[in-house]
């Protein structure tokens, strides 16, 4: 599946009620703190940080992070989750969300000190993951931090890469540490891989 087809597929999922009916939307409360977030291990958010959340969904991470940073911006490819995010984040005056084309980040070079993404990269083609790593590097300031979560192929049970949701395939691809290191090898980032039990890998990077 090419990059544009993947974006179109996800928009069709949302048009069909994917976001509205997803168990995470119904069952996951909006966290009040960052307890348990990888940033508690990677490096705590700072008051002067400008943060980008790629694939922000309905703003769960943004809500918790907003009280710790100067600015937090979330991007997603469909209005359904973003409208919910606007509702949830209405009291967070330093938070805003932006609709994107799903293929690039609509921000100037060096706009952010932190780029974060969780439960997103497994749902897009590997070629588009490479695009997002490059785009994340582009919008990071020198010394800025990248934190992207991926499923760990070493510990996840074997499963198909496509999950059928109301007749539309939801892509779900796991990665190994070597695959992540390889795909990020040509970007000017100081890279590390952090394994977070039971089934997550985090690609951590500092822009150089």
Protein backbone atom coordinates (compact mmCIF):
# COMPACT_ATOMS: atom_id res chain seq x y z
CA UNK A 1 0.00 0.00 0.00
CA UNK A 2 1.44 3.38 -0.95
CA UNK A 3 1.40 6.40 1.33
CA UNK A 4 -1.58 8.23 -0.16
CA UNK A 5 -3.69 5.07 -0.23
CA UNK A 6 -2.93 4.51 3.45
CA UNK A 7 -4.09 8.03 4.33
CA UNK A 8 -7.24 7.59 2.22
CA UNK A 9 -7.95 4.27 3.94
CA UNK A 10 -7.79 5.86 7.37
CA UNK A 11 -10.05 8.68 6.32
CA UNK A 12 -12.59 6.11 5.12
CA UNK A 13 -12.33 4.35 8.48
CA UNK A 14 -13.10 7.61 10.26
CA UNK A 15 -15.95 8.39 7.84
CA UNK A 16 -17.41 4.99 8.77
CA UNK A 17 -17.34 5.74 12.50
CA UNK A 18 -13.99 4.20 13.44
CA UNK A 19 -13.13 6.94 15.91
CA UNK A 20 -16.60 7.18 17.41
CA UNK A 21 -16.83 3.42 17.96
CA UNK A 22 -13.24 2.67 18.99
CA UNK A 23 -12.88 1.13 22.45
CA UNK A 24 -10.15 3.67 23.29
CA UNK A 25 -12.57 6.53 22.71
CA UNK A 26 -15.23 4.92 24.86
CA UNK A 27 -13.10 3.34 27.55
CA UNK A 28 -9.96 5.40 28.02
CA UNK A 29 -10.26 8.33 30.43
CA UNK A 30 -8.35 11.52 29.75
CA UNK A 31 -5.26 11.32 32.00
CA UNK A 32 -4.65 14.18 34.41
CA UNK A 33 -0.91 13.50 34.78
CA UNK A 34 1.97 12.11 32.75
CA UNK A 35 2.54 9.21 35.14
CA UNK A 36 3.60 6.18 33.12
CA UNK A 37 4.46 8.18 30.00
CA UNK A 38 7.81 7.38 28.45
CA UNK A 39 8.91 10.97 29.04
CA UNK A 40 9.35 10.13 32.71
CA UNK A 41 12.24 7.91 31.57
CA UNK A 42 13.35 9.70 28.41
CA UNK A 43 13.56 13.22 29.83
CA UNK A 44 10.87 15.23 31.54
CA UNK A 45 9.05 17.91 29.61
CA UNK A 46 10.23 21.44 30.33
CA UNK A 47 8.22 24.64 30.83
CA UNK A 48 9.79 26.22 27.74
CA UNK A 49 9.13 23.22 25.46
CA UNK A 50 7.09 23.55 22.28
CA UNK A 51 5.69 20.07 21.64
CA UNK A 52 4.21 18.39 18.57
CA UNK A 53 1.99 15.32 18.98
CA UNK A 54 1.74 13.40 15.68
CA UNK A 55 -1.54 11.50 15.40
CA UNK A 56 -2.94 13.19 18.48
CA UNK A 57 -6.38 11.56 18.25
CA UNK A 58 -8.69 13.14 20.79
CA UNK A 59 -5.89 14.77 22.74
CA UNK A 60 -5.28 12.44 25.69
CA UNK A 61 -1.53 13.05 25.85
CA UNK A 62 -1.98 16.71 25.01
CA UNK A 63 -4.34 17.26 27.95
CA UNK A 64 -1.84 15.84 30.43
CA UNK A 65 1.20 17.51 28.85
CA UNK A 66 -0.26 21.01 28.42
CA UNK A 67 0.31 21.97 32.05
CA UNK A 68 4.04 21.22 31.75
CA UNK A 69 5.01 23.04 28.51
CA UNK A 70 4.77 26.40 26.75
CA UNK A 71 2.88 25.11 23.71
CA UNK A 72 1.53 21.78 22.51
CA UNK A 73 0.20 21.20 18.99
CA UNK A 74 -1.55 18.04 17.84
CA UNK A 75 -2.03 16.90 14.27
CA UNK A 76 -4.30 14.28 12.78
CA UNK A 77 -5.80 13.47 9.38
CA UNK A 78 -9.54 13.65 10.12
CA UNK A 79 -11.87 16.11 11.83
CA UNK A 80 -13.63 13.43 13.90
CA UNK A 81 -10.88 12.97 16.52
CA UNK A 82 -9.81 16.61 16.26
CA UNK A 83 -13.29 17.91 17.06
CA UNK A 84 -13.30 15.73 20.19
CA UNK A 85 -9.80 17.01 21.03
CA UNK A 86 -10.98 20.61 20.74
CA UNK A 87 -13.77 19.84 23.19
CA UNK A 88 -11.44 18.13 25.68
CA UNK A 89 -8.72 20.77 25.39
CA UNK A 90 -10.89 23.88 25.57
CA UNK A 91 -9.50 24.82 29.01
CA UNK A 92 -5.88 24.36 27.86
CA UNK A 93 -5.07 27.74 26.31
CA UNK A 94 -1.63 26.63 25.14
CA UNK A 95 -2.98 23.64 23.16
CA UNK A 96 -4.21 23.61 19.57
CA UNK A 97 -4.90 20.97 16.94
CA UNK A 98 -4.30 21.04 13.18
CA UNK A 99 -5.78 18.96 10.35
CA UNK A 100 -3.02 17.65 8.07
CA UNK A 101 -2.71 15.87 4.74
CA UNK A 102 -1.15 12.82 6.45
CA UNK A 103 1.95 13.00 4.25
CA UNK A 104 3.87 15.93 5.74
CA UNK A 105 3.99 18.28 8.71
CA UNK A 106 2.74 21.82 7.95
CA UNK A 107 5.30 23.63 10.11
CA UNK A 108 8.52 25.56 9.56
CA UNK A 109 11.92 24.00 10.11
CA UNK A 110 12.99 24.03 13.75
CA UNK A 111 9.53 24.78 15.17
CA UNK A 112 9.49 22.33 18.09
CA UNK A 113 11.71 21.17 20.92
CA UNK A 114 9.85 17.84 21.24
CA UNK A 115 8.08 15.64 18.67
CA UNK A 116 6.03 12.79 20.14
CA UNK A 117 3.92 10.02 18.65
CA UNK A 118 2.22 7.04 20.25
CA UNK A 119 0.00 4.28 18.80
CA UNK A 120 0.28 5.79 15.33
CA UNK A 121 3.31 4.52 13.41
CA UNK A 122 2.15 0.90 13.40
CA UNK A 123 -0.86 1.93 11.34
CA UNK A 124 0.99 3.39 8.36
CA UNK A 125 3.28 1.91 5.69
CA UNK A 126 6.97 1.65 6.46
CA UNK A 127 7.72 4.10 3.67
CA UNK A 128 5.50 6.68 5.38
CA UNK A 129 7.16 6.02 8.74
CA UNK A 130 10.43 7.02 7.06
CA UNK A 131 8.75 10.22 5.81
CA UNK A 132 7.55 11.06 9.33
CA UNK A 133 10.97 10.47 10.87
CA UNK A 134 12.48 12.83 8.32
CA UNK A 135 9.70 15.38 8.80
CA UNK A 136 10.05 15.13 12.59
CA UNK A 137 13.75 15.84 12.28
CA UNK A 138 13.04 18.80 10.00
CA UNK A 139 10.66 20.50 12.44
CA UNK A 140 12.87 19.83 15.48
CA UNK A 141 15.19 22.47 16.83
CA UNK A 142 18.84 21.51 17.27
CA UNK A 143 18.93 19.54 20.49
CA UNK A 144 15.21 18.81 20.22
CA UNK A 145 13.91 15.39 21.24
CA UNK A 146 12.02 12.81 19.23
CA UNK A 147 9.95 10.08 20.89
CA UNK A 148 7.98 7.63 18.71
CA UNK A 149 6.31 4.44 19.94
CA UNK A 150 6.11 1.23 17.90
CA UNK A 151 4.88 -2.31 18.64
CA UNK A 152 7.74 -4.69 19.45
CA UNK A 153 7.79 -7.54 16.92
CA UNK A 154 9.95 -9.64 19.26
CA UNK A 155 7.30 -9.92 21.98
CA UNK A 156 3.97 -9.54 20.22
CA UNK A 157 2.11 -12.72 19.32
CA UNK A 158 2.04 -13.50 15.62
CA UNK A 159 -0.91 -11.82 13.97
CA UNK A 160 -1.93 -10.58 10.54
CA UNK A 161 -0.77 -7.12 9.57
CA UNK A 162 -4.28 -6.15 8.53
CA UNK A 163 -7.21 -6.07 10.96
CA UNK A 164 -10.65 -5.92 9.36
CA UNK A 165 -12.79 -3.10 10.78
CA UNK A 166 -16.27 -2.84 9.30
CA UNK A 167 -15.00 -4.14 5.99
CA UNK A 168 -11.95 -1.86 5.89
CA UNK A 169 -8.45 -3.08 6.74
CA UNK A 170 -6.72 -1.41 9.67
CA UNK A 171 -3.00 -1.86 9.17
CA UNK A 172 -1.01 -2.95 12.24
CA UNK A 173 2.72 -3.50 11.74
CA UNK A 174 5.25 -4.39 14.43
CA UNK A 175 8.97 -3.56 14.29
CA UNK A 176 12.27 -4.88 15.58
CA UNK A 177 14.97 -2.60 17.04
CA UNK A 178 17.24 -3.26 14.05
CA UNK A 179 14.47 -2.23 11.64
CA UNK A 180 13.94 1.03 13.49
CA UNK A 181 17.65 1.78 13.61
CA UNK A 182 17.92 1.07 9.90
CA UNK A 183 15.01 3.29 8.87
CA UNK A 184 16.34 6.19 10.95
CA UNK A 185 20.00 5.74 10.02
CA UNK A 186 20.12 8.48 7.39
CA UNK A 187 18.61 11.21 9.61
CA UNK A 188 20.75 13.60 11.66
CA UNK A 189 19.51 12.28 14.99
CA UNK A 190 21.38 10.70 17.86
CA UNK A 191 19.24 7.56 18.12
CA UNK A 192 18.47 5.13 20.90
CA UNK A 193 15.86 2.37 21.19
CA UNK A 194 14.04 1.86 24.48
CA UNK A 195 12.06 -1.33 25.07
CA UNK A 196 8.99 -0.78 27.24
CA UNK A 197 7.33 -4.01 28.42
CA UNK A 198 5.27 -5.78 27.44
CA UNK A 199 5.01 -4.90 23.74
CA UNK A 200 6.41 -1.45 22.93
CA UNK A 201 9.57 -0.02 21.43
CA UNK A 202 10.37 3.69 21.56
CA UNK A 203 12.54 5.35 18.96
CA UNK A 204 14.28 8.12 20.89
CA UNK A 205 16.34 10.75 19.14
CA UNK A 206 18.08 14.07 19.70
CA UNK A 207 18.46 16.40 16.72
CA UNK A 208 22.10 17.17 15.92
